[in-house]
């Protein structure tokens, strides 16, 4: 594994960690809204769900890229 490859994997892993924290924060906001009795169709719930879906989609995309990078690097050995 080259320094560039290792650096890429580390950067991706750090970004995944940060995004994972954001996903959990948004999930917690949704959970609290439900516990407080907000309707699923309320503006607050829709906004929170939109934010959650955006961060979750970003996390899933980066995770797929990270896993693909790992496989590609391992094949190149």
PDB file of N, CA and C in Angstrom:
ATOM      1  N   UNK A   1       0.857  -1.174   0.000  1.00  0.00           N
ATOM      2  CA  UNK A   1       0.000   0.000   0.000  1.00  0.00           C
ATOM      3  C   UNK A   1       0.903   1.238   0.000  1.00  0.00           C
ATOM      4  N   UNK A   2       0.626   2.139  -0.920  1.00  0.00           N
ATOM      5  CA  UNK A   2       1.415   3.358  -1.000  1.00  0.00           C
ATOM      6  C   UNK A   2       0.945   4.362   0.054  1.00  0.00           C
ATOM      7  N   UNK A   3       1.761   5.391   0.240  1.00  0.00           N
ATOM      8  CA  UNK A   3       1.384   6.445   1.184  1.00  0.00           C
ATOM      9  C   UNK A   3       0.099   7.138   0.741  1.00  0.00           C
ATOM     10  N   UNK A   4      -0.042   7.343  -0.566  1.00  0.00           N
ATOM     11  CA  UNK A   4      -1.250   7.986  -1.106  1.00  0.00           C
ATOM     12  C   UNK A   4      -2.491   7.145  -0.824  1.00  0.00           C
ATOM     13  N   UNK A   5      -2.376   5.866  -1.052  1.00  0.00           N
ATOM     14  CA  UNK A   5      -3.503   4.963  -0.818  1.00  0.00           C
ATOM     15  C   UNK A   5      -3.882   4.934   0.662  1.00  0.00           C
ATOM     16  N   UNK A   6      -2.868   4.849   1.498  1.00  0.00           N
ATOM     17  CA  UNK A   6      -3.110   4.826   2.940  1.00  0.00           C
ATOM     18  C   UNK A   6      -3.756   6.135   3.390  1.00  0.00           C
ATOM     19  N   UNK A   7      -3.266   7.241   2.862  1.00  0.00           N
ATOM     20  CA  UNK A   7      -3.814   8.553   3.190  1.00  0.00           C
ATOM     21  C   UNK A   7      -5.281   8.654   2.767  1.00  0.00           C
ATOM     22  N   UNK A   8      -5.600   8.144   1.584  1.00  0.00           N
ATOM     23  CA  UNK A   8      -6.974   8.160   1.093  1.00  0.00           C
ATOM     24  C   UNK A   8      -7.892   7.376   2.029  1.00  0.00           C
ATOM     25  N   UNK A   9      -7.467   6.181   2.403  1.00  0.00           N
ATOM     26  CA  UNK A   9      -8.289   5.352   3.287  1.00  0.00           C
ATOM     27  C   UNK A   9      -8.481   6.008   4.650  1.00  0.00           C
ATOM     28  N   UNK A  10      -7.447   6.631   5.161  1.00  0.00           N
ATOM     29  CA  UNK A  10      -7.548   7.301   6.464  1.00  0.00           C
ATOM     30  C   UNK A  10      -8.501   8.491   6.372  1.00  0.00           C
ATOM     31  N   UNK A  11      -8.371   9.281   5.314  1.00  0.00           N
ATOM     32  CA  UNK A  11      -9.269  10.427   5.135  1.00  0.00           C
ATOM     33  C   UNK A  11     -10.716   9.978   5.017  1.00  0.00           C
ATOM     34  N   UNK A  12     -10.940   8.917   4.259  1.00  0.00           N
ATOM     35  CA  UNK A  12     -12.301   8.400   4.110  1.00  0.00           C
ATOM     36  C   UNK A  12     -12.838   7.904   5.458  1.00  0.00           C
ATOM     37  N   UNK A  13     -11.998   7.207   6.203  1.00  0.00           N
ATOM     38  CA  UNK A  13     -12.419   6.679   7.499  1.00  0.00           C
ATOM     39  C   UNK A  13     -12.759   7.805   8.472  1.00  0.00           C
ATOM     40  N   UNK A  14     -11.964   8.852   8.468  1.00  0.00           N
ATOM     41  CA  UNK A  14     -12.245  10.000   9.336  1.00  0.00           C
ATOM     42  C   UNK A  14     -13.553  10.676   8.949  1.00  0.00           C
ATOM     43  N   UNK A  15     -13.773  10.835   7.654  1.00  0.00           N
ATOM     44  CA  UNK A  15     -15.008  11.446   7.181  1.00  0.00           C
ATOM     45  C   UNK A  15     -16.209  10.561   7.535  1.00  0.00           C
ATOM     46  N   UNK A  16     -16.043   9.245   7.405  1.00  0.00           N
ATOM     47  CA  UNK A  16     -17.118   8.324   7.776  1.00  0.00           C
ATOM     48  C   UNK A  16     -17.455   8.443   9.258  1.00  0.00           C
ATOM     49  N   UNK A  17     -16.443   8.576  10.079  1.00  0.00           N
ATOM     50  CA  UNK A  17     -16.672   8.726  11.513  1.00  0.00           C
ATOM     51  C   UNK A  17     -17.457   9.996  11.794  1.00  0.00           C
ATOM     52  N   UNK A  18     -17.046  11.093  11.181  1.00  0.00           N
ATOM     53  CA  UNK A  18     -17.735  12.370  11.370  1.00  0.00           C
ATOM     54  C   UNK A  18     -19.178  12.290  10.880  1.00  0.00           C
ATOM     55  N   UNK A  19     -19.373  11.715   9.705  1.00  0.00           N
ATOM     56  CA  UNK A  19     -20.721  11.586   9.168  1.00  0.00           C
ATOM     57  C   UNK A  19     -21.567  10.642  10.020  1.00  0.00           C
ATOM     58  N   UNK A  20     -20.948   9.594  10.545  1.00  0.00           N
ATOM     59  CA  UNK A  20     -21.670   8.674  11.413  1.00  0.00           C
ATOM     60  C   UNK A  20     -22.204   9.371  12.649  1.00  0.00           C
ATOM     61  N   UNK A  21     -21.413  10.270  13.196  1.00  0.00           N
ATOM     62  CA  UNK A  21     -21.854  11.047  14.355  1.00  0.00           C
ATOM     63  C   UNK A  21     -23.027  11.941  13.965  1.00  0.00           C
ATOM     64  N   UNK A  22     -22.939  12.566  12.788  1.00  0.00           N
ATOM     65  CA  UNK A  22     -24.029  13.429  12.319  1.00  0.00           C
ATOM     66  C   UNK A  22     -25.307  12.623  12.081  1.00  0.00           C
ATOM     67  N   UNK A  23     -25.167  11.427  11.514  1.00  0.00           N
ATOM     68  CA  UNK A  23     -26.332  10.565  11.287  1.00  0.00           C
ATOM     69  C   UNK A  23     -27.015  10.268  12.617  1.00  0.00           C
ATOM     70  N   UNK A  24     -26.232   9.912  13.616  1.00  0.00           N
ATOM     71  CA  UNK A  24     -26.812   9.596  14.924  1.00  0.00           C
ATOM     72  C   UNK A  24     -27.442  10.822  15.584  1.00  0.00           C
ATOM     73  N   UNK A  25     -26.856  11.985  15.386  1.00  0.00           N
ATOM     74  CA  UNK A  25     -27.448  13.213  15.926  1.00  0.00           C
ATOM     75  C   UNK A  25     -28.809  13.484  15.278  1.00  0.00           C
ATOM     76  N   UNK A  26     -28.878  13.328  13.966  1.00  0.00           N
ATOM     77  CA  UNK A  26     -30.144  13.551  13.264  1.00  0.00           C
ATOM     78  C   UNK A  26     -31.179  12.496  13.651  1.00  0.00           C
ATOM     79  N   UNK A  27     -30.735  11.264  13.835  1.00  0.00           N
ATOM     80  CA  UNK A  27     -31.640  10.197  14.271  1.00  0.00           C
ATOM     81  C   UNK A  27     -32.196  10.516  15.665  1.00  0.00           C
ATOM     82  N   UNK A  28     -31.346  11.055  16.523  1.00  0.00           N
ATOM     83  CA  UNK A  28     -31.773  11.429  17.867  1.00  0.00           C
ATOM     84  C   UNK A  28     -32.809  12.549  17.830  1.00  0.00           C
ATOM     85  N   UNK A  29     -32.615  13.507  16.937  1.00  0.00           N
ATOM     86  CA  UNK A  29     -33.588  14.591  16.783  1.00  0.00           C
ATOM     87  C   UNK A  29     -34.943  14.018  16.371  1.00  0.00           C
ATOM     88  N   UNK A  30     -34.936  13.096  15.405  1.00  0.00           N
ATOM     89  CA  UNK A  30     -36.183  12.454  14.991  1.00  0.00           C
ATOM     90  C   UNK A  30     -36.844  11.725  16.159  1.00  0.00           C
ATOM     91  N   UNK A  31     -36.044  10.997  16.897  1.00  0.00           N
ATOM     92  CA  UNK A  31     -36.560  10.235  18.043  1.00  0.00           C
ATOM     93  C   UNK A  31     -37.214  11.166  19.060  1.00  0.00           C
ATOM     94  N   UNK A  32     -36.550  12.282  19.344  1.00  0.00           N
ATOM     95  CA  UNK A  32     -37.106  13.232  20.313  1.00  0.00           C
ATOM     96  C   UNK A  32     -38.407  13.856  19.821  1.00  0.00           C
ATOM     97  N   UNK A  33     -38.475  14.157  18.530  1.00  0.00           N
ATOM     98  CA  UNK A  33     -39.712  14.713  17.979  1.00  0.00           C
ATOM     99  C   UNK A  33     -40.867  13.721  18.128  1.00  0.00           C
ATOM    100  N   UNK A  34     -40.599  12.463  17.870  1.00  0.00           N
ATOM    101  CA  UNK A  34     -41.628  11.434  18.026  1.00  0.00           C
ATOM    102  C   UNK A  34     -42.051  11.347  19.486  1.00  0.00           C
ATOM    103  N   UNK A  35     -41.067  11.325  20.386  1.00  0.00           N
ATOM    104  CA  UNK A  35     -41.365  11.234  21.818  1.00  0.00           C
ATOM    105  C   UNK A  35     -42.173  12.441  22.306  1.00  0.00           C
ATOM    106  N   UNK A  36     -41.960  13.597  21.690  1.00  0.00           N
ATOM    107  CA  UNK A  36     -42.682  14.806  22.071  1.00  0.00           C
ATOM    108  C   UNK A  36     -44.064  14.887  21.432  1.00  0.00           C
ATOM    109  N   UNK A  37     -44.391  13.896  20.603  1.00  0.00           N
ATOM    110  CA  UNK A  37     -45.727  13.824  20.032  1.00  0.00           C
ATOM    111  C   UNK A  37     -45.943  14.564  18.730  1.00  0.00           C
ATOM    112  N   UNK A  38     -44.874  14.970  18.075  1.00  0.00           N
ATOM    113  CA  UNK A  38     -45.024  15.645  16.783  1.00  0.00           C
ATOM    114  C   UNK A  38     -45.605  14.667  15.760  1.00  0.00           C
ATOM    115  N   UNK A  39     -46.502  15.154  14.944  1.00  0.00           N
ATOM    116  CA  UNK A  39     -47.070  14.324  13.880  1.00  0.00           C
ATOM    117  C   UNK A  39     -46.003  14.070  12.815  1.00  0.00           C
ATOM    118  N   UNK A  40     -46.085  12.904  12.194  1.00  0.00           N
ATOM    119  CA  UNK A  40     -45.112  12.573  11.163  1.00  0.00           C
ATOM    120  C   UNK A  40     -45.190  13.532   9.981  1.00  0.00           C
ATOM    121  N   UNK A  41     -46.321  14.187   9.814  1.00  0.00           N
ATOM    122  CA  UNK A  41     -46.503  15.117   8.695  1.00  0.00           C
ATOM    123  C   UNK A  41     -46.242  16.572   9.088  1.00  0.00           C
ATOM    124  N   UNK A  42     -45.813  16.794  10.316  1.00  0.00           N
ATOM    125  CA  UNK A  42     -45.562  18.171  10.760  1.00  0.00           C
ATOM    126  C   UNK A  42     -44.329  18.742  10.051  1.00  0.00           C
ATOM    127  N   UNK A  43     -44.275  20.063   9.916  1.00  0.00           N
ATOM    128  CA  UNK A  43     -43.108  20.686   9.266  1.00  0.00           C
ATOM    129  C   UNK A  43     -41.793  20.344   9.986  1.00  0.00           C
ATOM    130  N   UNK A  44     -41.834  20.287  11.307  1.00  0.00           N
ATOM    131  CA  UNK A  44     -40.622  19.971  12.078  1.00  0.00           C
ATOM    132  C   UNK A  44     -40.133  18.560  11.759  1.00  0.00           C
ATOM    133  N   UNK A  45     -41.067  17.614  11.699  1.00  0.00           N
ATOM    134  CA  UNK A  45     -40.703  16.224  11.419  1.00  0.00           C
ATOM    135  C   UNK A  45     -40.199  16.080   9.984  1.00  0.00           C
ATOM    136  N   UNK A  46     -40.863  16.737   9.044  1.00  0.00           N
ATOM    137  CA  UNK A  46     -40.427  16.654   7.645  1.00  0.00           C
ATOM    138  C   UNK A  46     -39.031  17.225   7.465  1.00  0.00           C
ATOM    139  N   UNK A  47     -38.775  18.343   8.118  1.00  0.00           N
ATOM    140  CA  UNK A  47     -37.448  18.965   8.017  1.00  0.00           C
ATOM    141  C   UNK A  47     -36.385  18.060   8.637  1.00  0.00           C
ATOM    142  N   UNK A  48     -36.684  17.511   9.801  1.00  0.00           N
ATOM    143  CA  UNK A  48     -35.735  16.625  10.473  1.00  0.00           C
ATOM    144  C   UNK A  48     -35.483  15.367   9.640  1.00  0.00           C
ATOM    145  N   UNK A  49     -36.526  14.830   9.041  1.00  0.00           N
ATOM    146  CA  UNK A  49     -36.384  13.630   8.215  1.00  0.00           C
ATOM    147  C   UNK A  49     -35.567  13.920   6.964  1.00  0.00           C
ATOM    148  N   UNK A  50     -35.775  15.081   6.375  1.00  0.00           N
ATOM    149  CA  UNK A  50     -35.000  15.474   5.195  1.00  0.00           C
ATOM    150  C   UNK A  50     -33.518  15.579   5.539  1.00  0.00           C
ATOM    151  N   UNK A  51     -33.210  16.226   6.665  1.00  0.00           N
ATOM    152  CA  UNK A  51     -31.804  16.352   7.088  1.00  0.00           C
ATOM    153  C   UNK A  51     -31.204  14.971   7.348  1.00  0.00           C
ATOM    154  N   UNK A  52     -31.955  14.111   8.029  1.00  0.00           N
ATOM    155  CA  UNK A  52     -31.465  12.764   8.313  1.00  0.00           C
ATOM    156  C   UNK A  52     -31.181  12.009   7.016  1.00  0.00           C
ATOM    157  N   UNK A  53     -32.103  12.058   6.094  1.00  0.00           N
ATOM    158  CA  UNK A  53     -31.934  11.320   4.834  1.00  0.00           C
ATOM    159  C   UNK A  53     -30.731  11.829   4.047  1.00  0.00           C
ATOM    160  N   UNK A  54     -30.505  13.137   4.057  1.00  0.00           N
ATOM    161  CA  UNK A  54     -29.363  13.705   3.328  1.00  0.00           C
ATOM    162  C   UNK A  54     -28.040  13.220   3.920  1.00  0.00           C
ATOM    163  N   UNK A  55     -27.923  13.298   5.234  1.00  0.00           N
ATOM    164  CA  UNK A  55     -26.679  12.877   5.889  1.00  0.00           C
ATOM    165  C   UNK A  55     -26.495  11.366   5.757  1.00  0.00           C
ATOM    166  N   UNK A  56     -27.575  10.620   5.904  1.00  0.00           N
ATOM    167  CA  UNK A  56     -27.502   9.164   5.783  1.00  0.00           C
ATOM    168  C   UNK A  56     -27.096   8.751   4.373  1.00  0.00           C
ATOM    169  N   UNK A  57     -27.635   9.408   3.354  1.00  0.00           N
ATOM    170  CA  UNK A  57     -27.269   9.100   1.968  1.00  0.00           C
ATOM    171  C   UNK A  57     -25.800   9.421   1.709  1.00  0.00           C
ATOM    172  N   UNK A  58     -25.341  10.531   2.250  1.00  0.00           N
ATOM    173  CA  UNK A  58     -23.926  10.904   2.102  1.00  0.00           C
ATOM    174  C   UNK A  58     -23.031   9.857   2.762  1.00  0.00           C
ATOM    175  N   UNK A  59     -23.437   9.407   3.950  1.00  0.00           N
ATOM    176  CA  UNK A  59     -22.660   8.385   4.660  1.00  0.00           C
ATOM    177  C   UNK A  59     -22.611   7.089   3.857  1.00  0.00           C
ATOM    178  N   UNK A  60     -23.751   6.657   3.334  1.00  0.00           N
ATOM    179  CA  UNK A  60     -23.809   5.409   2.561  1.00  0.00           C
ATOM    180  C   UNK A  60     -22.961   5.496   1.299  1.00  0.00           C
ATOM    181  N   UNK A  61     -22.983   6.663   0.639  1.00  0.00           N
ATOM    182  CA  UNK A  61     -22.187   6.837  -0.569  1.00  0.00           C
ATOM    183  C   UNK A  61     -20.688   6.756  -0.249  1.00  0.00           C
ATOM    184  N   UNK A  62     -20.276   7.457   0.798  1.00  0.00           N
ATOM    185  CA  UNK A  62     -18.865   7.441   1.170  1.00  0.00           C
ATOM    186  C   UNK A  62     -18.444   6.055   1.648  1.00  0.00           C
ATOM    187  N   UNK A  63     -19.329   5.366   2.346  1.00  0.00           N
ATOM    188  CA  UNK A  63     -19.010   4.006   2.788  1.00  0.00           C
ATOM    189  C   UNK A  63     -18.757   3.099   1.582  1.00  0.00           C
ATOM    190  N   UNK A  64     -19.604   3.210   0.567  1.00  0.00           N
ATOM    191  CA  UNK A  64     -19.428   2.402  -0.643  1.00  0.00           C
ATOM    192  C   UNK A  64     -18.109   2.739  -1.330  1.00  0.00           C
ATOM    193  N   UNK A  65     -17.781   4.023  -1.410  1.00  0.00           N
ATOM    194  CA  UNK A  65     -16.511   4.442  -2.015  1.00  0.00           C
ATOM    195  C   UNK A  65     -15.329   3.913  -1.211  1.00  0.00           C
ATOM    196  N   UNK A  66     -15.441   3.983   0.105  1.00  0.00           N
ATOM    197  CA  UNK A  66     -14.361   3.513   0.980  1.00  0.00           C
ATOM    198  C   UNK A  66     -14.147   2.005   0.808  1.00  0.00           C
ATOM    199  N   UNK A  67     -15.239   1.255   0.796  1.00  0.00           N
ATOM    200  CA  UNK A  67     -15.112  -0.195   0.625  1.00  0.00           C
ATOM    201  C   UNK A  67     -14.546  -0.538  -0.751  1.00  0.00           C
ATOM    202  N   UNK A  68     -14.972   0.185  -1.767  1.00  0.00           N
ATOM    203  CA  UNK A  68     -14.442  -0.039  -3.116  1.00  0.00           C
ATOM    204  C   UNK A  68     -12.952   0.296  -3.174  1.00  0.00           C
ATOM    205  N   UNK A  69     -12.556   1.357  -2.508  1.00  0.00           N
ATOM    206  CA  UNK A  69     -11.134   1.741  -2.469  1.00  0.00           C
ATOM    207  C   UNK A  69     -10.313   0.657  -1.794  1.00  0.00           C
ATOM    208  N   UNK A  70     -10.826   0.126  -0.691  1.00  0.00           N
ATOM    209  CA  UNK A  70     -10.105  -0.934   0.017  1.00  0.00           C
ATOM    210  C   UNK A  70      -9.921  -2.162  -0.868  1.00  0.00           C
ATOM    211  N   UNK A  71     -10.975  -2.569  -1.575  1.00  0.00           N
ATOM    212  CA  UNK A  71     -10.895  -3.732  -2.453  1.00  0.00           C
ATOM    213  C   UNK A  71      -9.899  -3.467  -3.576  1.00  0.00           C
ATOM    214  N   UNK A  72      -9.977  -2.289  -4.171  1.00  0.00           N
ATOM    215  CA  UNK A  72      -9.086  -1.941  -5.270  1.00  0.00           C
ATOM    216  C   UNK A  72      -7.627  -1.957  -4.816  1.00  0.00           C
ATOM    217  N   UNK A  73      -7.366  -1.410  -3.638  1.00  0.00           N
ATOM    218  CA  UNK A  73      -6.007  -1.381  -3.112  1.00  0.00           C
ATOM    219  C   UNK A  73      -5.515  -2.796  -2.818  1.00  0.00           C
ATOM    220  N   UNK A  74      -6.381  -3.624  -2.244  1.00  0.00           N
ATOM    221  CA  UNK A  74      -5.989  -5.003  -1.936  1.00  0.00           C
ATOM    222  C   UNK A  74      -5.702  -5.806  -3.202  1.00  0.00           C
ATOM    223  N   UNK A  75      -6.449  -5.562  -4.254  1.00  0.00           N
ATOM    224  CA  UNK A  75      -6.218  -6.262  -5.523  1.00  0.00           C
ATOM    225  C   UNK A  75      -4.901  -5.835  -6.159  1.00  0.00           C
ATOM    226  N   UNK A  76      -4.503  -4.608  -5.894  1.00  0.00           N
ATOM    227  CA  UNK A  76      -3.279  -4.065  -6.469  1.00  0.00           C
ATOM    228  C   UNK A  76      -2.012  -4.533  -5.791  1.00  0.00           C
ATOM    229  N   UNK A  77      -2.156  -5.259  -4.720  1.00  0.00           N
ATOM    230  CA  UNK A  77      -0.957  -5.740  -3.975  1.00  0.00           C
ATOM    231  C   UNK A  77      -0.132  -6.664  -4.791  1.00  0.00           C
TER     232      UNK A  77
END
